[in-house]
mmCIF file of all heavy atoms, coordinates in Angstrom:
data_MODEL
# 
_entry.id   MODEL 
# 
loop_
_atom_site.group_PDB 
_atom_site.id 
_atom_site.type_symbol 
_atom_site.label_atom_id 
_atom_site.label_alt_id 
_atom_site.label_comp_id 
_atom_site.label_asym_id 
_atom_site.label_entity_id 
_atom_site.label_seq_id 
_atom_site.pdbx_PDB_ins_code 
_atom_site.Cartn_x 
_atom_site.Cartn_y 
_atom_site.Cartn_z 
_atom_site.occupancy 
_atom_site.B_iso_or_equiv 
_atom_site.pdbx_formal_charge 
_atom_site.auth_seq_id 
_atom_site.auth_comp_id 
_atom_site.auth_asym_id 
_atom_site.auth_atom_id 
_atom_site.pdbx_PDB_model_num 
ATOM 1   N N   . SER A 1 1  ? 42.845 36.981 -11.457 1.00 0.00 ? 1  SER A N   1 
ATOM 2   C CA  . SER A 1 1  ? 42.337 37.624 -10.243 1.00 0.00 ? 1  SER A CA  1 
ATOM 3   C C   . SER A 1 1  ? 43.361 37.418 -9.139  1.00 0.00 ? 1  SER A C   1 
ATOM 4   O O   . SER A 1 1  ? 44.193 36.517 -9.191  1.00 0.00 ? 1  SER A O   1 
ATOM 5   C CB  . SER A 1 1  ? 41.015 36.997 -9.866  1.00 0.00 ? 1  SER A CB  1 
ATOM 6   O OG  . SER A 1 1  ? 41.179 35.581 -9.820  1.00 0.00 ? 1  SER A OG  1 
ATOM 7   N N   . PHE A 1 2  ? 43.336 38.330 -8.170  1.00 0.00 ? 2  PHE A N   1 
ATOM 8   C CA  . PHE A 1 2  ? 44.261 38.158 -7.054  1.00 0.00 ? 2  PHE A CA  1 
ATOM 9   C C   . PHE A 1 2  ? 43.501 37.893 -5.740  1.00 0.00 ? 2  PHE A C   1 
ATOM 10  O O   . PHE A 1 2  ? 42.374 38.379 -5.603  1.00 0.00 ? 2  PHE A O   1 
ATOM 11  C CB  . PHE A 1 2  ? 45.197 39.362 -6.924  1.00 0.00 ? 2  PHE A CB  1 
ATOM 12  C CG  . PHE A 1 2  ? 44.507 40.657 -6.585  1.00 0.00 ? 2  PHE A CG  1 
ATOM 13  C CD1 . PHE A 1 2  ? 44.184 41.045 -5.287  1.00 0.00 ? 2  PHE A CD1 1 
ATOM 14  C CD2 . PHE A 1 2  ? 44.182 41.540 -7.638  1.00 0.00 ? 2  PHE A CD2 1 
ATOM 15  C CE1 . PHE A 1 2  ? 43.561 42.245 -5.042  1.00 0.00 ? 2  PHE A CE1 1 
ATOM 16  C CE2 . PHE A 1 2  ? 43.547 42.756 -7.397  1.00 0.00 ? 2  PHE A CE2 1 
ATOM 17  C CZ  . PHE A 1 2  ? 43.240 43.116 -6.082  1.00 0.00 ? 2  PHE A CZ  1 
ATOM 18  N N   . PRO A 1 3  ? 44.080 37.087 -4.820  1.00 0.00 ? 3  PRO A N   1 
ATOM 19  C CA  . PRO A 1 3  ? 45.397 36.416 -4.949  1.00 0.00 ? 3  PRO A CA  1 
ATOM 20  C C   . PRO A 1 3  ? 45.382 35.266 -5.963  1.00 0.00 ? 3  PRO A C   1 
ATOM 21  O O   . PRO A 1 3  ? 44.471 34.444 -5.960  1.00 0.00 ? 3  PRO A O   1 
ATOM 22  C CB  . PRO A 1 3  ? 45.639 35.886 -3.531  1.00 0.00 ? 3  PRO A CB  1 
ATOM 23  C CG  . PRO A 1 3  ? 44.311 35.812 -2.856  1.00 0.00 ? 3  PRO A CG  1 
ATOM 24  C CD  . PRO A 1 3  ? 43.424 36.817 -3.514  1.00 0.00 ? 3  PRO A CD  1 
ATOM 25  N N   . ALA A 1 4  ? 46.397 35.312 -6.827  1.00 0.00 ? 4  ALA A N   1 
ATOM 26  C CA  . ALA A 1 4  ? 46.509 34.300 -7.908  1.00 0.00 ? 4  ALA A CA  1 
ATOM 27  C C   . ALA A 1 4  ? 47.151 33.015 -7.410  1.00 0.00 ? 4  ALA A C   1 
ATOM 28  O O   . ALA A 1 4  ? 48.220 33.107 -6.789  1.00 0.00 ? 4  ALA A O   1 
ATOM 29  C CB  . ALA A 1 4  ? 47.275 34.905 -9.075  1.00 0.00 ? 4  ALA A CB  1 
ATOM 30  N N   . PRO A 1 5  ? 46.548 31.849 -7.642  1.00 0.00 ? 5  PRO A N   1 
ATOM 31  C CA  . PRO A 1 5  ? 47.125 30.590 -7.114  1.00 0.00 ? 5  PRO A CA  1 
ATOM 32  C C   . PRO A 1 5  ? 48.586 30.383 -7.509  1.00 0.00 ? 5  PRO A C   1 
ATOM 33  O O   . PRO A 1 5  ? 49.384 29.933 -6.678  1.00 0.00 ? 5  PRO A O   1 
ATOM 34  C CB  . PRO A 1 5  ? 46.228 29.521 -7.736  1.00 0.00 ? 5  PRO A CB  1 
ATOM 35  C CG  . PRO A 1 5  ? 44.909 30.234 -7.921  1.00 0.00 ? 5  PRO A CG  1 
ATOM 36  C CD  . PRO A 1 5  ? 45.250 31.645 -8.288  1.00 0.00 ? 5  PRO A CD  1 
ATOM 37  N N   . ASN A 1 6  ? 48.990 30.698 -8.762  1.00 0.00 ? 6  ASN A N   1 
ATOM 38  C CA  . ASN A 1 6  ? 50.353 30.404 -9.148  1.00 0.00 ? 6  ASN A CA  1 
ATOM 39  C C   . ASN A 1 6  ? 51.354 31.388 -8.540  1.00 0.00 ? 6  ASN A C   1 
ATOM 40  O O   . ASN A 1 6  ? 52.535 31.070 -8.346  1.00 0.00 ? 6  ASN A O   1 
ATOM 41  C CB  . ASN A 1 6  ? 50.517 30.357 -10.682 1.00 0.00 ? 6  ASN A CB  1 
ATOM 42  C CG  . ASN A 1 6  ? 50.084 31.604 -11.399 1.00 0.00 ? 6  ASN A CG  1 
ATOM 43  O OD1 . ASN A 1 6  ? 49.490 32.525 -10.815 1.00 0.00 ? 6  ASN A OD1 1 
ATOM 44  N ND2 . ASN A 1 6  ? 50.380 31.663 -12.691 1.00 0.00 ? 6  ASN A ND2 1 
ATOM 45  N N   . VAL A 1 7  ? 50.869 32.593 -8.189  1.00 0.00 ? 7  VAL A N   1 
ATOM 46  C CA  . VAL A 1 7  ? 51.764 33.567 -7.479  1.00 0.00 ? 7  VAL A CA  1 
ATOM 47  C C   . VAL A 1 7  ? 51.878 33.160 -6.032  1.00 0.00 ? 7  VAL A C   1 
ATOM 48  O O   . VAL A 1 7  ? 52.972 33.265 -5.409  1.00 0.00 ? 7  VAL A O   1 
ATOM 49  C CB  . VAL A 1 7  ? 51.247 34.984 -7.635  1.00 0.00 ? 7  VAL A CB  1 
ATOM 50  C CG1 . VAL A 1 7  ? 52.198 35.967 -6.959  1.00 0.00 ? 7  VAL A CG1 1 
ATOM 51  C CG2 . VAL A 1 7  ? 51.085 35.357 -9.119  1.00 0.00 ? 7  VAL A CG2 1 
ATOM 52  N N   . ILE A 1 8  ? 50.795 32.672 -5.427  1.00 0.00 ? 8  ILE A N   1 
ATOM 53  C CA  . ILE A 1 8  ? 50.853 32.155 -4.059  1.00 0.00 ? 8  ILE A CA  1 
ATOM 54  C C   . ILE A 1 8  ? 51.841 31.017 -3.985  1.00 0.00 ? 8  ILE A C   1 
ATOM 55  O O   . ILE A 1 8  ? 52.675 30.938 -3.071  1.00 0.00 ? 8  ILE A O   1 
ATOM 56  C CB  . ILE A 1 8  ? 49.452 31.681 -3.575  1.00 0.00 ? 8  ILE A CB  1 
ATOM 57  C CG1 . ILE A 1 8  ? 48.504 32.856 -3.428  1.00 0.00 ? 8  ILE A CG1 1 
ATOM 58  C CG2 . ILE A 1 8  ? 49.563 30.915 -2.270  1.00 0.00 ? 8  ILE A CG2 1 
ATOM 59  C CD1 . ILE A 1 8  ? 47.066 32.464 -3.103  1.00 0.00 ? 8  ILE A CD1 1 
ATOM 60  N N   . GLU A 1 9  ? 51.773 30.131 -4.962  1.00 0.00 ? 9  GLU A N   1 
ATOM 61  C CA  . GLU A 1 9  ? 52.665 28.973 -4.971  1.00 0.00 ? 9  GLU A CA  1 
ATOM 62  C C   . GLU A 1 9  ? 54.115 29.407 -5.086  1.00 0.00 ? 9  GLU A C   1 
ATOM 63  O O   . GLU A 1 9  ? 54.980 28.902 -4.365  1.00 0.00 ? 9  GLU A O   1 
ATOM 64  C CB  . GLU A 1 9  ? 52.309 28.057 -6.158  1.00 0.00 ? 9  GLU A CB  1 
ATOM 65  C CG  . GLU A 1 9  ? 53.143 26.817 -6.233  1.00 0.00 ? 9  GLU A CG  1 
ATOM 66  C CD  . GLU A 1 9  ? 52.905 25.967 -7.494  1.00 0.00 ? 9  GLU A CD  1 
ATOM 67  O OE1 . GLU A 1 9  ? 52.548 26.562 -8.523  1.00 0.00 ? 9  GLU A OE1 1 
ATOM 68  O OE2 . GLU A 1 9  ? 53.089 24.737 -7.434  1.00 0.00 ? 9  GLU A OE2 1 
ATOM 69  N N   . ALA A 1 10 ? 54.377 30.365 -5.978  1.00 0.00 ? 10 ALA A N   1 
ATOM 70  C CA  . ALA A 1 10 ? 55.758 30.850 -6.181  1.00 0.00 ? 10 ALA A CA  1 
ATOM 71  C C   . ALA A 1 10 ? 56.253 31.504 -4.901  1.00 0.00 ? 10 ALA A C   1 
ATOM 72  O O   . ALA A 1 10 ? 57.419 31.249 -4.472  1.00 0.00 ? 10 ALA A O   1 
ATOM 73  C CB  . ALA A 1 10 ? 55.830 31.818 -7.346  1.00 0.00 ? 10 ALA A CB  1 
ATOM 74  N N   . SER A 1 11 ? 55.444 32.357 -4.253  1.00 0.00 ? 11 SER A N   1 
ATOM 75  C CA  . SER A 1 11 ? 55.887 33.065 -3.074  1.00 0.00 ? 11 SER A CA  1 
ATOM 76  C C   . SER A 1 11 ? 56.058 32.173 -1.841  1.00 0.00 ? 11 SER A C   1 
ATOM 77  O O   . SER A 1 11 ? 56.727 32.526 -0.888  1.00 0.00 ? 11 SER A O   1 
ATOM 78  C CB  . SER A 1 11 ? 54.916 34.219 -2.745  1.00 0.00 ? 11 SER A CB  1 
ATOM 79  O OG  . SER A 1 11 ? 53.633 33.712 -2.378  1.00 0.00 ? 11 SER A OG  1 
ATOM 80  N N   . ALA A 1 12 ? 55.402 30.990 -1.882  1.00 0.00 ? 12 ALA A N   1 
ATOM 81  C CA  . ALA A 1 12 ? 55.527 30.050 -0.761  1.00 0.00 ? 12 ALA A CA  1 
ATOM 82  C C   . ALA A 1 12 ? 56.857 29.313 -0.820  1.00 0.00 ? 12 ALA A C   1 
ATOM 83  O O   . ALA A 1 12 ? 57.355 28.848 0.251   1.00 0.00 ? 12 ALA A O   1 
ATOM 84  C CB  . ALA A 1 12 ? 54.365 29.051 -0.780  1.00 0.00 ? 12 ALA A CB  1 
ATOM 85  N N   . SER A 1 13 ? 57.458 29.180 -2.023  1.00 0.00 ? 13 SER A N   1 
ATOM 86  C CA  . SER A 1 13 ? 58.677 28.376 -2.133  1.00 0.00 ? 13 SER A CA  1 
ATOM 87  C C   . SER A 1 13 ? 59.964 29.218 -2.234  1.00 0.00 ? 13 SER A C   1 
ATOM 88  O O   . SER A 1 13 ? 61.051 28.710 -2.046  1.00 0.00 ? 13 SER A O   1 
ATOM 89  C CB  . SER A 1 13 ? 58.563 27.447 -3.326  1.00 0.00 ? 13 SER A CB  1 
ATOM 90  O OG  . SER A 1 13 ? 58.371 28.168 -4.528  1.00 0.00 ? 13 SER A OG  1 
ATOM 91  N N   . THR A 1 14 ? 59.786 30.499 -2.602  1.00 0.00 ? 14 THR A N   1 
ATOM 92  C CA  . THR A 1 14 ? 60.985 31.357 -2.727  1.00 0.00 ? 14 THR A CA  1 
ATOM 93  C C   . THR A 1 14 ? 60.527 32.799 -2.517  1.00 0.00 ? 14 THR A C   1 
ATOM 94  O O   . THR A 1 14 ? 59.405 33.162 -2.896  1.00 0.00 ? 14 THR A O   1 
ATOM 95  C CB  . THR A 1 14 ? 61.661 31.149 -4.129  1.00 0.00 ? 14 THR A CB  1 
ATOM 96  O OG1 . THR A 1 14 ? 62.867 31.874 -4.185  1.00 0.00 ? 14 THR A OG1 1 
ATOM 97  C CG2 . THR A 1 14 ? 60.773 31.635 -5.235  1.00 0.00 ? 14 THR A CG2 1 
ATOM 98  N N   . PRO A 1 15 ? 61.393 33.685 -1.985  1.00 0.00 ? 15 PRO A N   1 
ATOM 99  C CA  . PRO A 1 15 ? 61.019 35.100 -1.825  1.00 0.00 ? 15 PRO A CA  1 
ATOM 100 C C   . PRO A 1 15 ? 60.764 35.738 -3.191  1.00 0.00 ? 15 PRO A C   1 
ATOM 101 O O   . PRO A 1 15 ? 61.556 35.499 -4.128  1.00 0.00 ? 15 PRO A O   1 
ATOM 102 C CB  . PRO A 1 15 ? 62.241 35.709 -1.132  1.00 0.00 ? 15 PRO A CB  1 
ATOM 103 C CG  . PRO A 1 15 ? 62.958 34.572 -0.491  1.00 0.00 ? 15 PRO A CG  1 
ATOM 104 C CD  . PRO A 1 15 ? 62.742 33.409 -1.414  1.00 0.00 ? 15 PRO A CD  1 
ATOM 105 N N   . VAL A 1 16 ? 59.686 36.503 -3.292  1.00 0.00 ? 16 VAL A N   1 
ATOM 106 C CA  . VAL A 1 16 ? 59.378 37.167 -4.565  1.00 0.00 ? 16 VAL A CA  1 
ATOM 107 C C   . VAL A 1 16 ? 59.102 38.654 -4.324  1.00 0.00 ? 16 VAL A C   1 
ATOM 108 O O   . VAL A 1 16 ? 58.837 39.079 -3.230  1.00 0.00 ? 16 VAL A O   1 
ATOM 109 C CB  . VAL A 1 16 ? 58.165 36.529 -5.287  1.00 0.00 ? 16 VAL A CB  1 
ATOM 110 C CG1 . VAL A 1 16 ? 58.404 35.060 -5.586  1.00 0.00 ? 16 VAL A CG1 1 
ATOM 111 C CG2 . VAL A 1 16 ? 56.879 36.731 -4.502  1.00 0.00 ? 16 VAL A CG2 1 
ATOM 112 N N   . SER A 1 17 ? 59.161 39.398 -5.390  1.00 0.00 ? 17 SER A N   1 
ATOM 113 C CA  . SER A 1 17 ? 58.704 40.798 -5.383  1.00 0.00 ? 17 SER A CA  1 
ATOM 114 C C   . SER A 1 17 ? 57.804 40.998 -6.552  1.00 0.00 ? 17 SER A C   1 
ATOM 115 O O   . SER A 1 17 ? 57.789 40.197 -7.508  1.00 0.00 ? 17 SER A O   1 
ATOM 116 C CB  . SER A 1 17 ? 59.912 41.750 -5.470  1.00 0.00 ? 17 SER A CB  1 
ATOM 117 O OG  . SER A 1 17 ? 60.582 41.640 -6.701  1.00 0.00 ? 17 SER A OG  1 
ATOM 118 N N   . LEU A 1 18 ? 56.991 42.063 -6.544  1.00 0.00 ? 18 LEU A N   1 
ATOM 119 C CA  . LEU A 1 18 ? 56.098 42.386 -7.653  1.00 0.00 ? 18 LEU A CA  1 
ATOM 120 C C   . LEU A 1 18 ? 56.539 43.732 -8.199  1.00 0.00 ? 18 LEU A C   1 
ATOM 121 O O   . LEU A 1 18 ? 56.795 44.674 -7.474  1.00 0.00 ? 18 LEU A O   1 
ATOM 122 C CB  . LEU A 1 18 ? 54.633 42.483 -7.177  1.00 0.00 ? 18 LEU A CB  1 
ATOM 123 C CG  . LEU A 1 18 ? 53.903 41.166 -6.854  1.00 0.00 ? 18 LEU A CG  1 
ATOM 124 C CD1 . LEU A 1 18 ? 52.492 41.466 -6.391  1.00 0.00 ? 18 LEU A CD1 1 
ATOM 125 C CD2 . LEU A 1 18 ? 53.884 40.222 -8.083  1.00 0.00 ? 18 LEU A CD2 1 
ATOM 126 N N   . ILE A 1 19 ? 56.588 43.804 -9.535  1.00 0.00 ? 19 ILE A N   1 
ATOM 127 C CA  . ILE A 1 19 ? 56.862 45.084 -10.200 1.00 0.00 ? 19 ILE A CA  1 
ATOM 128 C C   . ILE A 1 19 ? 55.695 46.017 -10.011 1.00 0.00 ? 19 ILE A C   1 
ATOM 129 O O   . ILE A 1 19 ? 54.558 45.621 -10.170 1.00 0.00 ? 19 ILE A O   1 
ATOM 130 C CB  . ILE A 1 19 ? 57.139 44.869 -11.728 1.00 0.00 ? 19 ILE A CB  1 
ATOM 131 C CG1 . ILE A 1 19 ? 58.342 43.986 -11.946 1.00 0.00 ? 19 ILE A CG1 1 
ATOM 132 C CG2 . ILE A 1 19 ? 57.202 46.191 -12.459 1.00 0.00 ? 19 ILE A CG2 1 
ATOM 133 C CD1 . ILE A 1 19 ? 59.694 44.630 -11.637 1.00 0.00 ? 19 ILE A CD1 1 
ATOM 134 N N   . THR A 1 20 ? 55.948 47.262 -9.635  1.00 0.00 ? 20 THR A N   1 
ATOM 135 C CA  . THR A 1 20 ? 54.892 48.261 -9.505  1.00 0.00 ? 20 THR A CA  1 
ATOM 136 C C   . THR A 1 20 ? 55.095 49.337 -10.559 1.00 0.00 ? 20 THR A C   1 
ATOM 137 O O   . THR A 1 20 ? 56.225 49.714 -10.874 1.00 0.00 ? 20 THR A O   1 
ATOM 138 C CB  . THR A 1 20 ? 54.905 48.850 -8.060  1.00 0.00 ? 20 THR A CB  1 
ATOM 139 O OG1 . THR A 1 20 ? 53.684 49.578 -7.848  1.00 0.00 ? 20 THR A OG1 1 
ATOM 140 C CG2 . THR A 1 20 ? 56.111 49.727 -7.815  1.00 0.00 ? 20 THR A CG2 1 
ATOM 141 N N   . LEU A 1 21 ? 53.982 49.769 -11.155 1.00 0.00 ? 21 LEU A N   1 
ATOM 142 C CA  . LEU A 1 21 ? 54.016 50.744 -12.244 1.00 0.00 ? 21 LEU A CA  1 
ATOM 143 C C   . LEU A 1 21 ? 53.763 52.160 -11.691 1.00 0.00 ? 21 LEU A C   1 
ATOM 144 O O   . LEU A 1 21 ? 53.078 52.310 -10.671 1.00 0.00 ? 21 LEU A O   1 
ATOM 145 C CB  . LEU A 1 21 ? 52.986 50.434 -13.295 1.00 0.00 ? 21 LEU A CB  1 
ATOM 146 C CG  . LEU A 1 21 ? 53.337 49.366 -14.360 1.00 0.00 ? 21 LEU A CG  1 
ATOM 147 C CD1 . LEU A 1 21 ? 53.543 47.994 -13.725 1.00 0.00 ? 21 LEU A CD1 1 
ATOM 148 C CD2 . LEU A 1 21 ? 52.227 49.287 -15.385 1.00 0.00 ? 21 LEU A CD2 1 
ATOM 149 N N   . THR A 1 22 ? 54.303 53.130 -12.371 1.00 0.00 ? 22 THR A N   1 
ATOM 150 C CA  . THR A 1 22 ? 53.947 54.514 -12.064 1.00 0.00 ? 22 THR A CA  1 
ATOM 151 C C   . THR A 1 22 ? 52.601 54.839 -12.675 1.00 0.00 ? 22 THR A C   1 
ATOM 152 O O   . THR A 1 22 ? 52.139 54.140 -13.593 1.00 0.00 ? 22 THR A O   1 
ATOM 153 C CB  . THR A 1 22 ? 54.974 55.522 -12.594 1.00 0.00 ? 22 THR A CB  1 
ATOM 154 O OG1 . THR A 1 22 ? 54.943 55.455 -14.033 1.00 0.00 ? 22 THR A OG1 1 
ATOM 155 C CG2 . THR A 1 22 ? 56.378 55.160 -12.140 1.00 0.00 ? 22 THR A CG2 1 
ATOM 156 N N   . ASP A 1 23 ? 51.933 55.887 -12.184 1.00 0.00 ? 23 ASP A N   1 
ATOM 157 C CA  . ASP A 1 23 ? 50.635 56.244 -12.767 1.00 0.00 ? 23 ASP A CA  1 
ATOM 158 C C   . ASP A 1 23 ? 50.781 56.642 -14.224 1.00 0.00 ? 23 ASP A C   1 
ATOM 159 O O   . ASP A 1 23 ? 49.843 56.408 -15.043 1.00 0.00 ? 23 ASP A O   1 
ATOM 160 C CB  . ASP A 1 23 ? 50.020 57.410 -11.964 1.00 0.00 ? 23 ASP A CB  1 
ATOM 161 C CG  . ASP A 1 23 ? 49.475 56.897 -10.617 1.00 0.00 ? 23 ASP A CG  1 
ATOM 162 O OD1 . ASP A 1 23 ? 49.340 55.693 -10.418 1.00 0.00 ? 23 ASP A OD1 1 
ATOM 163 O OD2 . ASP A 1 23 ? 49.177 57.768 -9.765  1.00 0.00 ? 23 ASP A OD2 1 
ATOM 164 N N   . GLU A 1 24 ? 51.946 57.217 -14.586 1.00 0.00 ? 24 GLU A N   1 
ATOM 165 C CA  . GLU A 1 24 ? 52.186 57.569 -15.976 1.00 0.00 ? 24 GLU A CA  1 
ATOM 166 C C   . GLU A 1 24 ? 52.281 56.319 -16.850 1.00 0.00 ? 24 GLU A C   1 
ATOM 167 O O   . GLU A 1 24 ? 51.729 56.290 -17.998 1.00 0.00 ? 24 GLU A O   1 
ATOM 168 C CB  . GLU A 1 24 ? 53.468 58.387 -16.095 1.00 0.00 ? 24 GLU A CB  1 
ATOM 169 C CG  . GLU A 1 24 ? 53.428 59.788 -15.488 1.00 0.00 ? 24 GLU A CG  1 
ATOM 170 C CD  . GLU A 1 24 ? 53.508 59.793 -13.956 1.00 0.00 ? 24 GLU A CD  1 
ATOM 171 O OE1 . GLU A 1 24 ? 53.925 58.751 -13.371 1.00 0.00 ? 24 GLU A OE1 1 
ATOM 172 O OE2 . GLU A 1 24 ? 53.100 60.805 -13.358 1.00 0.00 ? 24 GLU A OE2 1 
ATOM 173 N N   . GLN A 1 25 ? 52.954 55.294 -16.339 1.00 0.00 ? 25 GLN A N   1 
ATOM 174 C CA  . GLN A 1 25 ? 53.057 54.053 -17.101 1.00 0.00 ? 25 GLN A CA  1 
ATOM 175 C C   . GLN A 1 25 ? 51.682 53.386 -17.264 1.00 0.00 ? 25 GLN A C   1 
ATOM 176 O O   . GLN A 1 25 ? 51.391 52.878 -18.320 1.00 0.00 ? 25 GLN A O   1 
ATOM 177 C CB  . GLN A 1 25 ? 54.043 53.091 -16.402 1.00 0.00 ? 25 GLN A CB  1 
ATOM 178 C CG  . GLN A 1 25 ? 55.515 53.551 -16.539 1.00 0.00 ? 25 GLN A CG  1 
ATOM 179 C CD  . GLN A 1 25 ? 56.449 52.766 -15.610 1.00 0.00 ? 25 GLN A CD  1 
ATOM 180 O OE1 . GLN A 1 25 ? 56.021 52.232 -14.558 1.00 0.00 ? 25 GLN A OE1 1 
ATOM 181 N NE2 . GLN A 1 25 ? 57.694 52.646 -16.029 1.00 0.00 ? 25 GLN A NE2 1 
ATOM 182 N N   . VAL A 1 26 ? 50.889 53.382 -16.200 1.00 0.00 ? 26 VAL A N   1 
ATOM 183 C CA  . VAL A 1 26 ? 49.534 52.804 -16.264 1.00 0.00 ? 26 VAL A CA  1 
ATOM 184 C C   . VAL A 1 26 ? 48.747 53.539 -17.346 1.00 0.00 ? 26 VAL A C   1 
ATOM 185 O O   . VAL A 1 26 ? 48.080 52.902 -18.198 1.00 0.00 ? 26 VAL A O   1 
ATOM 186 C CB  . VAL A 1 26 ? 48.808 52.942 -14.918 1.00 0.00 ? 26 VAL A CB  1 
ATOM 187 C CG1 . VAL A 1 26 ? 47.339 52.547 -15.067 1.00 0.00 ? 26 VAL A CG1 1 
ATOM 188 C CG2 . VAL A 1 26 ? 49.471 52.064 -13.883 1.00 0.00 ? 26 VAL A CG2 1 
ATOM 189 N N   . ALA A 1 27 ? 48.817 54.876 -17.379 1.00 0.00 ? 27 ALA A N   1 
ATOM 190 C CA  . ALA A 1 27 ? 48.080 55.668 -18.362 1.00 0.00 ? 27 ALA A CA  1 
ATOM 191 C C   . ALA A 1 27 ? 48.524 55.306 -19.795 1.00 0.00 ? 27 ALA A C   1 
ATOM 192 O O   . ALA A 1 27 ? 47.714 55.227 -20.721 1.00 0.00 ? 27 ALA A O   1 
ATOM 193 C CB  . ALA A 1 27 ? 48.279 57.124 -18.122 1.00 0.00 ? 27 ALA A CB  1 
ATOM 194 N N   . GLU A 1 28 ? 49.826 55.065 -19.946 1.00 0.00 ? 28 GLU A N   1 
ATOM 195 C CA  . GLU A 1 28 ? 50.352 54.738 -21.270 1.00 0.00 ? 28 GLU A CA  1 
ATOM 196 C C   . GLU A 1 28 ? 49.866 53.391 -21.786 1.00 0.00 ? 28 GLU A C   1 
ATOM 197 O O   . GLU A 1 28 ? 49.677 53.199 -23.001 1.00 0.00 ? 28 GLU A O   1 
ATOM 198 C CB  . GLU A 1 28 ? 51.899 54.714 -21.191 1.00 0.00 ? 28 GLU A CB  1 
ATOM 199 C CG  . GLU A 1 28 ? 52.569 55.315 -22.430 1.00 0.00 ? 28 GLU A CG  1 
ATOM 200 C CD  . GLU A 1 28 ? 54.072 55.424 -22.272 1.00 0.00 ? 28 GLU A CD  1 
ATOM 201 O OE1 . GLU A 1 28 ? 54.558 55.790 -21.160 1.00 0.00 ? 28 GLU A OE1 1 
ATOM 202 O OE2 . GLU A 1 28 ? 54.792 55.118 -23.256 1.00 0.00 ? 28 GLU A OE2 1 
# 
């Protein structure tokens, strides 16, 4: 579930980005 504790922890100690999918990729 989001916000996920381990992602919060990672983003607090170093800059992060999240991969975003296209709608076509989601459908696949």
